[in-house]
Amino acid sequence: MQSAHQVERWIERFPLVRDFSAGHLQIARGTVHFPVLEAGAIAYELQDACANYLMCIDGRTRVFRMSEGGREMLIYKVGAGGTCVLTTQCLLSGGGFPAQSVAEARTELAALPSDTFRQLMHESDAFRSFVLDDYTKLLSGMFDLVEEIAFAPLERRLARRLLVEADADGIVWKTHQQLASDVGSVREVVSRLLGEWAETGLIEVRRGQVQVVDRAGLASGRSD
């Protein structure tokens, strides 16, 4: 059962809802629900049918594929205020999910059932514009990721990941294995690179975390 507070937080995170007509707002409010995923919970599995349009109110999910050898390849992440491009693609095409998604932290979602999604896409200019504009931006980001995976050296991918994940204190709260999964590599290689960067003072390696010491040096690839 949805609460008024949940609806208010949804509208605050996604202001486009305020642009709905009275009728479309009534439809959306009458069908939206708010699933909560604890860290590590599965958002969707490979080849699952897509039942809802998902909008992330709070938290973060990781979308990835697993190779036949069991190696994880990160595709993208969805944070607060974001939507999932694969969810949109599946709802528009009618196919199943071509990847998996897992919550990295406690995550609250607003879920519009597929029937509501299709009705709003057909009838609401505000909703249709938001979905298509967001879809275009997300696709562009995915092409950037493909280009990086195909052409950027592992060192650059790992450095960028550390800079993106670092909090205000420069701490990346991830293990070597999690970082390896994020950049499409293996733990041994990532550990070797982290060790080399630690020796040159770019980072400090601790149990379960990495401290970024020299952001500019890491960004530029400077190692001395």
Protein backbone atom coordinates (compact mmCIF):
# COMPACT_ATOMS: atom_id res chain seq x y z
CA MET A 1 0.00 0.00 0.00
CA GLN A 2 1.51 3.31 -1.07
CA SER A 3 1.70 6.24 1.32
CA ALA A 4 1.34 9.96 0.64
CA HIS A 5 4.97 10.38 1.70
CA GLN A 6 6.16 7.88 -0.92
CA VAL A 7 4.18 9.66 -3.64
CA GLU A 8 5.58 13.03 -2.55
CA ARG A 9 9.15 11.72 -2.66
CA TRP A 10 8.53 10.27 -6.14
CA ILE A 11 7.19 13.57 -7.44
CA GLU A 12 10.04 15.49 -5.80
CA ARG A 13 12.63 13.21 -7.45
CA PHE A 14 10.83 13.23 -10.84
CA PRO A 15 9.24 16.68 -11.31
CA LEU A 16 7.81 15.64 -14.69
CA VAL A 17 4.93 14.04 -12.76
CA ARG A 18 3.73 17.57 -11.91
CA ASP A 19 3.22 18.15 -15.64
CA PHE A 20 0.71 15.33 -15.94
CA SER A 21 -2.90 16.24 -16.60
CA ALA A 22 -5.28 15.65 -13.71
CA GLY A 23 -6.51 12.45 -15.36
CA HIS A 24 -3.06 11.07 -16.07
CA LEU A 25 -1.88 11.96 -12.55
CA GLN A 26 -4.82 10.03 -11.16
CA ILE A 27 -3.93 7.01 -13.30
CA ALA A 28 -0.27 7.16 -12.31
CA ARG A 29 -0.97 7.61 -8.59
CA GLY A 30 -3.54 4.84 -8.68
CA THR A 31 -1.16 2.25 -10.14
CA VAL A 32 2.37 3.20 -9.05
CA HIS A 33 3.96 1.09 -6.32
CA PHE A 34 7.22 1.47 -4.46
CA PRO A 35 9.36 -1.66 -4.15
CA VAL A 36 12.38 -1.49 -1.85
CA LEU A 37 15.49 -3.57 -2.55
CA GLU A 38 18.06 -4.21 0.13
CA ALA A 39 21.73 -4.21 -0.88
CA GLY A 40 22.46 -7.35 -2.91
CA ALA A 41 18.83 -7.97 -3.85
CA ILE A 42 18.03 -8.80 -7.47
CA ALA A 43 16.15 -6.13 -9.42
CA TYR A 44 15.76 -8.37 -12.48
CA GLU A 45 17.33 -11.46 -14.00
CA LEU A 46 18.56 -12.20 -17.51
CA GLN A 47 15.61 -12.88 -19.85
CA ASP A 48 13.00 -11.85 -17.26
CA ALA A 49 9.87 -10.26 -18.67
CA CYS A 50 9.58 -6.54 -17.92
CA ALA A 51 6.45 -5.82 -15.87
CA ASN A 52 7.16 -2.23 -14.77
CA TYR A 53 8.80 1.04 -15.76
CA LEU A 54 11.30 1.62 -12.98
CA MET A 55 12.30 5.04 -11.65
CA CYS A 56 14.98 5.18 -8.95
CA ILE A 57 13.98 7.40 -6.02
CA ASP A 58 16.93 6.54 -3.82
CA GLY A 59 19.86 4.11 -3.81
CA ARG A 60 21.72 2.53 -6.72
CA THR A 61 21.52 -0.56 -8.90
CA ARG A 62 24.16 -2.20 -11.09
CA VAL A 63 23.28 -3.60 -14.53
CA PHE A 64 25.66 -6.25 -15.87
CA ARG A 65 26.17 -9.37 -17.97
CA MET A 66 27.96 -12.56 -16.99
CA SER A 67 30.28 -14.32 -19.43
CA GLU A 68 30.20 -18.09 -19.89
CA GLY A 69 33.34 -18.21 -17.76
CA GLY A 70 31.55 -16.42 -14.92
CA ARG A 71 33.18 -13.01 -15.38
CA GLU A 72 30.97 -10.00 -14.76
CA MET A 73 30.89 -7.07 -17.17
CA LEU A 74 29.35 -3.85 -15.87
CA ILE A 75 27.04 -2.15 -18.38
CA TYR A 76 25.92 0.85 -16.36
CA LYS A 77 24.55 1.93 -12.99
CA VAL A 78 21.27 3.61 -12.10
CA GLY A 79 21.25 6.11 -9.23
CA ALA A 80 18.70 8.35 -7.56
CA GLY A 81 16.69 10.28 -10.14
CA GLY A 82 17.61 7.83 -12.91
CA THR A 83 15.79 5.24 -14.97
CA CYS A 84 16.95 2.00 -16.58
CA VAL A 85 17.52 2.08 -20.34
CA LEU A 86 17.08 -1.69 -20.62
CA THR A 87 13.73 -1.47 -18.83
CA THR A 88 12.59 1.15 -21.31
CA GLN A 89 13.91 -0.88 -24.23
CA CYS A 90 12.13 -4.01 -23.06
CA LEU A 91 8.82 -2.20 -22.55
CA LEU A 92 9.04 -0.61 -26.00
CA SER A 93 10.05 -3.82 -27.77
CA GLY A 94 8.21 -6.40 -25.70
CA GLY A 95 11.33 -8.54 -25.19
CA GLY A 96 13.03 -9.85 -22.08
CA PHE A 97 15.94 -8.30 -20.22
CA PRO A 98 19.30 -8.88 -21.97
CA ALA A 99 21.19 -8.42 -18.68
CA GLN A 100 20.86 -8.61 -14.90
CA SER A 101 20.44 -5.93 -12.27
CA VAL A 102 21.32 -5.98 -8.57
CA ALA A 103 20.95 -3.32 -5.88
CA GLU A 104 24.31 -2.02 -4.64
CA ALA A 105 22.70 -0.22 -1.71
CA ARG A 106 19.24 -0.06 -0.18
CA THR A 107 17.19 1.14 -3.14
CA GLU A 108 13.69 2.56 -3.35
CA LEU A 109 11.97 2.46 -6.73
CA ALA A 110 8.79 3.85 -8.21
CA ALA A 111 7.32 1.18 -10.48
CA LEU A 112 4.67 1.99 -13.07
CA PRO A 113 3.00 -1.18 -14.43
CA SER A 114 3.54 -1.86 -18.12
CA ASP A 115 -0.12 -1.10 -18.96
CA THR A 116 0.17 2.30 -17.28
CA PHE A 117 3.47 2.94 -19.06
CA ARG A 118 1.91 2.22 -22.47
CA GLN A 119 -1.16 4.33 -21.75
CA LEU A 120 0.92 7.30 -20.63
CA MET A 121 3.26 6.91 -23.59
CA HIS A 122 0.25 7.04 -25.89
CA GLU A 123 -1.68 9.84 -24.17
CA SER A 124 0.73 12.05 -22.19
CA ASP A 125 3.07 14.38 -24.06
CA ALA A 126 4.97 15.14 -20.84
CA PHE A 127 5.60 11.50 -20.03
CA ARG A 128 6.45 10.51 -23.60
CA SER A 129 8.95 13.37 -23.95
CA PHE A 130 10.61 12.45 -20.64
CA VAL A 131 10.90 8.76 -21.52
CA LEU A 132 12.27 9.32 -25.02
CA ASP A 133 14.68 12.10 -23.98
CA ASP A 134 15.96 9.99 -21.08
CA TYR A 135 16.23 6.93 -23.31
CA THR A 136 18.31 8.87 -25.84
CA LYS A 137 20.70 10.13 -23.15
CA LEU A 138 21.08 6.67 -21.65
CA LEU A 139 21.76 5.12 -25.06
CA SER A 140 24.43 7.73 -25.68
CA GLY A 141 26.02 6.80 -22.37
CA MET A 142 25.98 3.14 -23.32
CA PHE A 143 27.76 3.88 -26.60
CA ASP A 144 30.40 5.79 -24.63
CA LEU A 145 30.82 2.70 -22.44
CA VAL A 146 31.16 0.41 -25.46
CA GLU A 147 33.82 2.71 -26.91
CA GLU A 148 35.70 2.75 -23.61
CA ILE A 149 35.59 -1.03 -23.26
CA ALA A 150 36.68 -1.53 -26.84
CA PHE A 151 39.45 1.06 -27.00
CA ALA A 152 40.45 2.40 -23.57
CA PRO A 153 43.31 0.61 -21.78
CA LEU A 154 42.45 -1.14 -18.53
CA GLU A 155 44.54 1.37 -16.57
CA ARG A 156 42.38 4.24 -17.81
CA ARG A 157 39.14 2.36 -17.12
CA LEU A 158 40.22 1.53 -13.59
CA ALA A 159 41.40 5.07 -12.86
CA ARG A 160 38.11 6.50 -14.10
CA ARG A 161 36.15 4.03 -11.99
CA LEU A 162 38.08 4.99 -8.86
CA LEU A 163 37.50 8.69 -9.51
CA VAL A 164 33.78 8.15 -10.11
CA GLU A 165 33.29 5.92 -7.06
CA ALA A 166 35.38 7.99 -4.61
CA ASP A 167 33.37 9.81 -1.95
CA ALA A 168 34.07 13.30 -0.63
CA ASP A 169 36.99 11.92 1.39
CA GLY A 170 38.45 10.13 -1.63
CA ILE A 171 37.46 6.68 -0.36
CA VAL A 172 36.20 3.97 -2.71
CA TRP A 173 34.29 1.43 -0.63
CA LYS A 174 34.90 -1.57 -2.88
CA THR A 175 36.98 -4.72 -2.88
CA HIS A 176 39.45 -5.55 -5.63
CA GLN A 177 37.00 -8.13 -6.97
CA GLN A 178 34.18 -5.59 -7.18
CA LEU A 179 36.44 -3.13 -9.01
CA ALA A 180 37.52 -5.89 -11.39
CA SER A 181 33.88 -6.63 -12.16
CA ASP A 182 33.21 -2.95 -12.80
CA VAL A 183 35.99 -2.64 -15.39
CA GLY A 184 35.62 -6.08 -17.01
CA SER A 185 38.87 -7.55 -15.73
CA VAL A 186 40.02 -10.07 -13.12
CA ARG A 187 40.99 -9.46 -9.51
CA GLU A 188 44.66 -10.40 -9.95
CA VAL A 189 45.25 -7.80 -12.65
CA VAL A 190 43.37 -5.08 -10.79
CA SER A 191 45.28 -5.86 -7.57
CA ARG A 192 48.58 -5.54 -9.44
CA LEU A 193 47.64 -2.13 -10.85
CA LEU A 194 46.41 -0.89 -7.48
CA GLY A 195 49.66 -2.04 -5.91
CA GLU A 196 51.70 -0.15 -8.49
CA TRP A 197 49.65 3.03 -7.95
CA ALA A 198 49.98 2.68 -4.19
CA GLU A 199 53.79 2.51 -4.53
CA THR A 200 53.82 5.78 -6.47
CA GLY A 201 51.52 7.57 -4.02
CA LEU A 202 48.44 7.92 -6.20
CA ILE A 203 46.31 5.80 -3.85
CA GLU A 204 46.40 3.91 -0.58
CA VAL A 205 45.08 0.36 -0.50
CA ARG A 206 43.21 -0.81 2.60
CA ARG A 207 41.03 -3.77 3.42
CA GLY A 208 37.76 -3.40 1.51
CA GLN A 209 38.53 0.10 0.29
CA VAL A 210 40.87 2.28 -1.74
CA GLN A 211 41.84 5.83 -0.77
CA VAL A 212 42.43 8.16 -3.71
CA VAL A 213 45.34 10.39 -2.62
CA ASP A 214 46.20 12.21 -5.86
CA ARG A 215 43.08 12.77 -7.98
CA ALA A 216 44.87 14.87 -10.59
CA GLY A 217 47.67 12.33 -10.94
CA LEU A 218 45.25 9.44 -11.25
CA ALA A 219 43.17 11.32 -13.83
CA SER A 220 46.24 12.16 -15.92
CA GLY A 221 47.86 8.76 -15.61
CA ARG A 222 50.90 10.23 -13.88
CA SER A 223 52.74 7.59 -11.87
CA ASP A 224 55.83 9.42 -10.64
